[in-house]
């Protein structure tokens, strides 16, 4: 299953990567998008099972970030 992490902070990306590695969950493939636009494009073009979403992205903040993403997840 693909897990899409929409996260602009490289340190947080590394933390997620370490967490997934430490959990030893080979069934999950972690992929990244560094902004909401790229995340939405990835969601529209790939079979994504789980999204980890940073609600404080440069181009969108808070609940608006979630609402924009949700439009493309249905």
PDB file of N, CA and C in Angstrom:
ATOM      1  N   UNK A   1       0.847  -1.164   0.000  1.00  0.00           N
ATOM      2  CA  UNK A   1       0.000   0.000   0.000  1.00  0.00           C
ATOM      3  C   UNK A   1       0.901   1.238   0.000  1.00  0.00           C
ATOM      4  N   UNK A   2       0.549   2.204  -0.842  1.00  0.00           N
ATOM      5  CA  UNK A   2       1.303   3.455  -0.887  1.00  0.00           C
ATOM      6  C   UNK A   2       0.784   4.442   0.159  1.00  0.00           C
ATOM      7  N   UNK A   3       1.726   5.041   0.867  1.00  0.00           N
ATOM      8  CA  UNK A   3       1.437   6.079   1.848  1.00  0.00           C
ATOM      9  C   UNK A   3       2.044   7.366   1.304  1.00  0.00           C
ATOM     10  N   UNK A   4       1.200   8.353   1.056  1.00  0.00           N
ATOM     11  CA  UNK A   4       1.661   9.641   0.553  1.00  0.00           C
ATOM     12  C   UNK A   4       1.810  10.603   1.722  1.00  0.00           C
ATOM     13  N   UNK A   5       3.021  11.118   1.910  1.00  0.00           N
ATOM     14  CA  UNK A   5       3.275  12.127   2.931  1.00  0.00           C
ATOM     15  C   UNK A   5       3.459  13.472   2.223  1.00  0.00           C
ATOM     16  N   UNK A   6       2.548  14.387   2.489  1.00  0.00           N
ATOM     17  CA  UNK A   6       2.662  15.738   1.926  1.00  0.00           C
ATOM     18  C   UNK A   6       3.283  16.585   3.027  1.00  0.00           C
ATOM     19  N   UNK A   7       4.574  16.833   2.875  1.00  0.00           N
ATOM     20  CA  UNK A   7       5.373  17.463   3.930  1.00  0.00           C
ATOM     21  C   UNK A   7       6.503  18.275   3.296  1.00  0.00           C
ATOM     22  N   UNK A   8       6.598  19.543   3.660  1.00  0.00           N
ATOM     23  CA  UNK A   8       7.617  20.407   3.075  1.00  0.00           C
ATOM     24  C   UNK A   8       8.909  20.450   3.885  1.00  0.00           C
ATOM     25  N   UNK A   9       8.897  19.948   5.097  1.00  0.00           N
ATOM     26  CA  UNK A   9      10.070  20.000   5.966  1.00  0.00           C
ATOM     27  C   UNK A   9      10.888  18.716   5.813  1.00  0.00           C
ATOM     28  N   UNK A  10      12.127  18.847   5.361  1.00  0.00           N
ATOM     29  CA  UNK A  10      12.986  17.677   5.112  1.00  0.00           C
ATOM     30  C   UNK A  10      13.240  16.884   6.396  1.00  0.00           C
ATOM     31  N   UNK A  11      13.386  17.561   7.527  1.00  0.00           N
ATOM     32  CA  UNK A  11      13.612  16.861   8.796  1.00  0.00           C
ATOM     33  C   UNK A  11      12.402  16.001   9.156  1.00  0.00           C
ATOM     34  N   UNK A  12      11.203  16.522   8.944  1.00  0.00           N
ATOM     35  CA  UNK A  12       9.995  15.739   9.218  1.00  0.00           C
ATOM     36  C   UNK A  12       9.862  14.574   8.243  1.00  0.00           C
ATOM     37  N   UNK A  13      10.277  14.767   7.001  1.00  0.00           N
ATOM     38  CA  UNK A  13      10.278  13.669   6.032  1.00  0.00           C
ATOM     39  C   UNK A  13      11.203  12.548   6.511  1.00  0.00           C
ATOM     40  N   UNK A  14      12.392  12.918   6.978  1.00  0.00           N
ATOM     41  CA  UNK A  14      13.336  11.909   7.478  1.00  0.00           C
ATOM     42  C   UNK A  14      12.768  11.192   8.708  1.00  0.00           C
ATOM     43  N   UNK A  15      12.108  11.936   9.587  1.00  0.00           N
ATOM     44  CA  UNK A  15      11.503  11.336  10.778  1.00  0.00           C
ATOM     45  C   UNK A  15      10.449  10.297  10.387  1.00  0.00           C
ATOM     46  N   UNK A  16       9.590  10.643   9.442  1.00  0.00           N
ATOM     47  CA  UNK A  16       8.586   9.683   8.972  1.00  0.00           C
ATOM     48  C   UNK A  16       9.247   8.447   8.378  1.00  0.00           C
ATOM     49  N   UNK A  17      10.278   8.672   7.582  1.00  0.00           N
ATOM     50  CA  UNK A  17      10.988   7.561   6.956  1.00  0.00           C
ATOM     51  C   UNK A  17      11.578   6.641   8.031  1.00  0.00           C
ATOM     52  N   UNK A  18      12.175   7.215   9.055  1.00  0.00           N
ATOM     53  CA  UNK A  18      12.747   6.414  10.146  1.00  0.00           C
ATOM     54  C   UNK A  18      11.657   5.667  10.908  1.00  0.00           C
ATOM     55  N   UNK A  19      10.536   6.316  11.142  1.00  0.00           N
ATOM     56  CA  UNK A  19       9.432   5.664  11.849  1.00  0.00           C
ATOM     57  C   UNK A  19       8.923   4.450  11.080  1.00  0.00           C
ATOM     58  N   UNK A  20       8.751   4.606   9.777  1.00  0.00           N
ATOM     59  CA  UNK A  20       8.268   3.483   8.967  1.00  0.00           C
ATOM     60  C   UNK A  20       9.302   2.360   8.935  1.00  0.00           C
ATOM     61  N   UNK A  21      10.575   2.721   8.845  1.00  0.00           N
ATOM     62  CA  UNK A  21      11.629   1.705   8.843  1.00  0.00           C
ATOM     63  C   UNK A  21      11.663   0.969  10.178  1.00  0.00           C
ATOM     64  N   UNK A  22      11.567   1.712  11.287  1.00  0.00           N
ATOM     65  CA  UNK A  22      11.618   1.103  12.620  1.00  0.00           C
ATOM     66  C   UNK A  22      10.408   0.210  12.894  1.00  0.00           C
ATOM     67  N   UNK A  23       9.272   0.521  12.294  1.00  0.00           N
ATOM     68  CA  UNK A  23       8.081  -0.303  12.487  1.00  0.00           C
ATOM     69  C   UNK A  23       8.146  -1.590  11.679  1.00  0.00           C
ATOM     70  N   UNK A  24       9.125  -1.665  10.770  1.00  0.00           N
ATOM     71  CA  UNK A  24       9.333  -2.853   9.949  1.00  0.00           C
ATOM     72  C   UNK A  24       8.030  -3.284   9.273  1.00  0.00           C
ATOM     73  N   UNK A  25       7.491  -2.377   8.470  1.00  0.00           N
ATOM     74  CA  UNK A  25       6.226  -2.624   7.786  1.00  0.00           C
ATOM     75  C   UNK A  25       6.459  -2.627   6.266  1.00  0.00           C
ATOM     76  N   UNK A  26       6.960  -3.740   5.738  1.00  0.00           N
ATOM     77  CA  UNK A  26       7.307  -3.793   4.316  1.00  0.00           C
ATOM     78  C   UNK A  26       6.108  -3.669   3.375  1.00  0.00           C
ATOM     79  N   UNK A  27       4.893  -3.830   3.892  1.00  0.00           N
ATOM     80  CA  UNK A  27       3.712  -3.740   3.038  1.00  0.00           C
ATOM     81  C   UNK A  27       3.396  -2.296   2.649  1.00  0.00           C
ATOM     82  N   UNK A  28       4.066  -1.333   3.289  1.00  0.00           N
ATOM     83  CA  UNK A  28       3.807   0.078   3.023  1.00  0.00           C
ATOM     84  C   UNK A  28       4.969   0.703   2.270  1.00  0.00           C
ATOM     85  N   UNK A  29       4.642   1.451   1.229  1.00  0.00           N
ATOM     86  CA  UNK A  29       5.634   2.209   0.469  1.00  0.00           C
ATOM     87  C   UNK A  29       5.384   3.690   0.740  1.00  0.00           C
ATOM     88  N   UNK A  30       6.345   4.354   1.349  1.00  0.00           N
ATOM     89  CA  UNK A  30       6.217   5.755   1.698  1.00  0.00           C
ATOM     90  C   UNK A  30       6.754   6.621   0.562  1.00  0.00           C
ATOM     91  N   UNK A  31       5.891   7.512   0.048  1.00  0.00           N
ATOM     92  CA  UNK A  31       6.290   8.447  -1.007  1.00  0.00           C
ATOM     93  C   UNK A  31       5.991   9.865  -0.531  1.00  0.00           C
ATOM     94  N   UNK A  32       6.719  10.832  -1.079  1.00  0.00           N
ATOM     95  CA  UNK A  32       6.620  12.215  -0.612  1.00  0.00           C
ATOM     96  C   UNK A  32       6.205  13.177  -1.711  1.00  0.00           C
ATOM     97  N   UNK A  33       5.526  14.221  -1.275  1.00  0.00           N
ATOM     98  CA  UNK A  33       5.283  15.415  -2.088  1.00  0.00           C
ATOM     99  C   UNK A  33       5.606  16.587  -1.182  1.00  0.00           C
ATOM    100  N   UNK A  34       6.372  17.544  -1.673  1.00  0.00           N
ATOM    101  CA  UNK A  34       6.807  18.645  -0.808  1.00  0.00           C
ATOM    102  C   UNK A  34       5.853  19.823  -0.770  1.00  0.00           C
ATOM    103  N   UNK A  35       4.749  19.741  -1.528  1.00  0.00           N
ATOM    104  CA  UNK A  35       3.739  20.791  -1.434  1.00  0.00           C
ATOM    105  C   UNK A  35       2.377  20.216  -1.825  1.00  0.00           C
ATOM    106  N   UNK A  36       1.339  20.980  -1.563  1.00  0.00           N
ATOM    107  CA  UNK A  36      -0.021  20.498  -1.792  1.00  0.00           C
ATOM    108  C   UNK A  36      -0.309  20.249  -3.272  1.00  0.00           C
ATOM    109  N   UNK A  37       0.182  21.115  -4.130  1.00  0.00           N
ATOM    110  CA  UNK A  37      -0.037  20.947  -5.571  1.00  0.00           C
ATOM    111  C   UNK A  37       0.518  19.620  -6.062  1.00  0.00           C
ATOM    112  N   UNK A  38       1.739  19.308  -5.662  1.00  0.00           N
ATOM    113  CA  UNK A  38       2.348  18.039  -6.068  1.00  0.00           C
ATOM    114  C   UNK A  38       1.642  16.861  -5.402  1.00  0.00           C
ATOM    115  N   UNK A  39       1.210  17.041  -4.167  1.00  0.00           N
ATOM    116  CA  UNK A  39       0.478  15.984  -3.482  1.00  0.00           C
ATOM    117  C   UNK A  39      -0.831  15.656  -4.169  1.00  0.00           C
ATOM    118  N   UNK A  40      -1.556  16.678  -4.566  1.00  0.00           N
ATOM    119  CA  UNK A  40      -2.818  16.473  -5.281  1.00  0.00           C
ATOM    120  C   UNK A  40      -2.570  15.790  -6.621  1.00  0.00           C
ATOM    121  N   UNK A  41      -1.532  16.209  -7.328  1.00  0.00           N
ATOM    122  CA  UNK A  41      -1.197  15.575  -8.608  1.00  0.00           C
ATOM    123  C   UNK A  41      -0.855  14.102  -8.398  1.00  0.00           C
ATOM    124  N   UNK A  42      -0.116  13.802  -7.365  1.00  0.00           N
ATOM    125  CA  UNK A  42       0.242  12.417  -7.065  1.00  0.00           C
ATOM    126  C   UNK A  42      -1.015  11.619  -6.714  1.00  0.00           C
ATOM    127  N   UNK A  43      -1.876  12.193  -5.909  1.00  0.00           N
ATOM    128  CA  UNK A  43      -3.120  11.531  -5.508  1.00  0.00           C
ATOM    129  C   UNK A  43      -4.016  11.260  -6.722  1.00  0.00           C
ATOM    130  N   UNK A  44      -4.040  12.192  -7.661  1.00  0.00           N
ATOM    131  CA  UNK A  44      -4.862  12.029  -8.863  1.00  0.00           C
ATOM    132  C   UNK A  44      -4.315  10.959  -9.806  1.00  0.00           C
ATOM    133  N   UNK A  45      -3.005  10.692  -9.739  1.00  0.00           N
ATOM    134  CA  UNK A  45      -2.397   9.797 -10.724  1.00  0.00           C
ATOM    135  C   UNK A  45      -1.979   8.435 -10.171  1.00  0.00           C
ATOM    136  N   UNK A  46      -1.970   8.269  -8.865  1.00  0.00           N
ATOM    137  CA  UNK A  46      -1.503   7.026  -8.248  1.00  0.00           C
ATOM    138  C   UNK A  46      -2.578   6.431  -7.352  1.00  0.00           C
ATOM    139  N   UNK A  47      -2.419   5.161  -7.052  1.00  0.00           N
ATOM    140  CA  UNK A  47      -3.314   4.474  -6.127  1.00  0.00           C
ATOM    141  C   UNK A  47      -2.743   4.637  -4.716  1.00  0.00           C
ATOM    142  N   UNK A  48      -3.259   5.613  -3.982  1.00  0.00           N
ATOM    143  CA  UNK A  48      -2.771   5.945  -2.647  1.00  0.00           C
ATOM    144  C   UNK A  48      -3.753   5.408  -1.615  1.00  0.00           C
ATOM    145  N   UNK A  49      -3.239   4.689  -0.620  1.00  0.00           N
ATOM    146  CA  UNK A  49      -4.098   4.134   0.419  1.00  0.00           C
ATOM    147  C   UNK A  49      -4.215   5.019   1.639  1.00  0.00           C
ATOM    148  N   UNK A  50      -3.142   5.742   1.969  1.00  0.00           N
ATOM    149  CA  UNK A  50      -3.095   6.573   3.165  1.00  0.00           C
ATOM    150  C   UNK A  50      -2.386   7.884   2.820  1.00  0.00           C
ATOM    151  N   UNK A  51      -2.885   8.987   3.381  1.00  0.00           N
ATOM    152  CA  UNK A  51      -2.217  10.285   3.217  1.00  0.00           C
ATOM    153  C   UNK A  51      -1.869  10.827   4.602  1.00  0.00           C
ATOM    154  N   UNK A  52      -0.615  11.219   4.753  1.00  0.00           N
ATOM    155  CA  UNK A  52      -0.163  11.943   5.940  1.00  0.00           C
ATOM    156  C   UNK A  52       0.015  13.384   5.479  1.00  0.00           C
ATOM    157  N   UNK A  53      -0.739  14.296   6.071  1.00  0.00           N
ATOM    158  CA  UNK A  53      -0.821  15.659   5.556  1.00  0.00           C
ATOM    159  C   UNK A  53      -0.332  16.679   6.570  1.00  0.00           C
ATOM    160  N   UNK A  54       0.636  17.473   6.167  1.00  0.00           N
ATOM    161  CA  UNK A  54       1.098  18.622   6.955  1.00  0.00           C
ATOM    162  C   UNK A  54       0.072  19.737   6.755  1.00  0.00           C
ATOM    163  N   UNK A  55      -0.516  20.210   7.830  1.00  0.00           N
ATOM    164  CA  UNK A  55      -1.532  21.266   7.718  1.00  0.00           C
ATOM    165  C   UNK A  55      -0.928  22.662   7.701  1.00  0.00           C
ATOM    166  N   UNK A  56       0.389  22.758   7.708  1.00  0.00           N
ATOM    167  CA  UNK A  56       1.074  24.050   7.662  1.00  0.00           C
ATOM    168  C   UNK A  56       2.017  24.138   6.480  1.00  0.00           C
ATOM    169  N   UNK A  57       1.475  24.038   5.286  1.00  0.00           N
ATOM    170  CA  UNK A  57       2.283  24.126   4.066  1.00  0.00           C
ATOM    171  C   UNK A  57       2.365  25.575   3.603  1.00  0.00           C
ATOM    172  N   UNK A  58       3.416  25.927   2.868  1.00  0.00           N
ATOM    173  CA  UNK A  58       3.552  27.320   2.422  1.00  0.00           C
ATOM    174  C   UNK A  58       2.369  27.836   1.597  1.00  0.00           C
ATOM    175  N   UNK A  59       1.748  26.957   0.816  1.00  0.00           N
ATOM    176  CA  UNK A  59       0.679  27.400  -0.075  1.00  0.00           C
ATOM    177  C   UNK A  59      -0.720  27.238   0.514  1.00  0.00           C
ATOM    178  N   UNK A  60      -0.825  26.595   1.679  1.00  0.00           N
ATOM    179  CA  UNK A  60      -2.131  26.361   2.274  1.00  0.00           C
ATOM    180  C   UNK A  60      -1.960  26.080   3.763  1.00  0.00           C
ATOM    181  N   UNK A  61      -2.923  26.531   4.560  1.00  0.00           N
ATOM    182  CA  UNK A  61      -2.842  26.375   6.009  1.00  0.00           C
ATOM    183  C   UNK A  61      -4.126  25.777   6.572  1.00  0.00           C
ATOM    184  N   UNK A  62      -3.975  24.958   7.601  1.00  0.00           N
ATOM    185  CA  UNK A  62      -5.092  24.466   8.387  1.00  0.00           C
ATOM    186  C   UNK A  62      -6.110  23.641   7.621  1.00  0.00           C
ATOM    187  N   UNK A  63      -7.366  23.828   8.005  1.00  0.00           N
ATOM    188  CA  UNK A  63      -8.461  23.026   7.458  1.00  0.00           C
ATOM    189  C   UNK A  63      -8.613  23.209   5.950  1.00  0.00           C
ATOM    190  N   UNK A  64      -8.237  24.370   5.419  1.00  0.00           N
ATOM    191  CA  UNK A  64      -8.297  24.584   3.969  1.00  0.00           C
ATOM    192  C   UNK A  64      -7.406  23.590   3.227  1.00  0.00           C
ATOM    193  N   UNK A  65      -6.286  23.244   3.832  1.00  0.00           N
ATOM    194  CA  UNK A  65      -5.381  22.260   3.237  1.00  0.00           C
ATOM    195  C   UNK A  65      -6.091  20.913   3.125  1.00  0.00           C
ATOM    196  N   UNK A  66      -6.705  20.498   4.206  1.00  0.00           N
ATOM    197  CA  UNK A  66      -7.434  19.233   4.218  1.00  0.00           C
ATOM    198  C   UNK A  66      -8.589  19.243   3.215  1.00  0.00           C
ATOM    199  N   UNK A  67      -9.352  20.323   3.184  1.00  0.00           N
ATOM    200  CA  UNK A  67     -10.511  20.397   2.281  1.00  0.00           C
ATOM    201  C   UNK A  67     -10.095  20.330   0.822  1.00  0.00           C
ATOM    202  N   UNK A  68      -8.992  21.008   0.480  1.00  0.00           N
ATOM    203  CA  UNK A  68      -8.507  20.956  -0.903  1.00  0.00           C
ATOM    204  C   UNK A  68      -8.098  19.527  -1.275  1.00  0.00           C
ATOM    205  N   UNK A  69      -7.418  18.866  -0.370  1.00  0.00           N
ATOM    206  CA  UNK A  69      -6.981  17.503  -0.643  1.00  0.00           C
ATOM    207  C   UNK A  69      -8.169  16.559  -0.733  1.00  0.00           C
ATOM    208  N   UNK A  70      -9.133  16.725   0.148  1.00  0.00           N
ATOM    209  CA  UNK A  70     -10.301  15.838   0.175  1.00  0.00           C
ATOM    210  C   UNK A  70     -11.081  15.866  -1.143  1.00  0.00           C
ATOM    211  N   UNK A  71     -11.119  17.015  -1.802  1.00  0.00           N
ATOM    212  CA  UNK A  71     -11.804  17.114  -3.101  1.00  0.00           C
ATOM    213  C   UNK A  71     -11.236  16.127  -4.109  1.00  0.00           C
ATOM    214  N   UNK A  72      -9.960  15.825  -3.989  1.00  0.00           N
ATOM    215  CA  UNK A  72      -9.296  14.964  -4.964  1.00  0.00           C
ATOM    216  C   UNK A  72      -9.236  13.513  -4.498  1.00  0.00           C
ATOM    217  N   UNK A  73      -9.581  13.255  -3.259  1.00  0.00           N
ATOM    218  CA  UNK A  73      -9.488  11.901  -2.717  1.00  0.00           C
ATOM    219  C   UNK A  73     -10.765  11.109  -2.908  1.00  0.00           C
ATOM    220  N   UNK A  74     -11.787  11.726  -3.434  1.00  0.00           N
ATOM    221  CA  UNK A  74     -13.066  11.024  -3.567  1.00  0.00           C
ATOM    222  C   UNK A  74     -13.275  10.464  -4.945  1.00  0.00           C
TER     223      UNK A  74
END
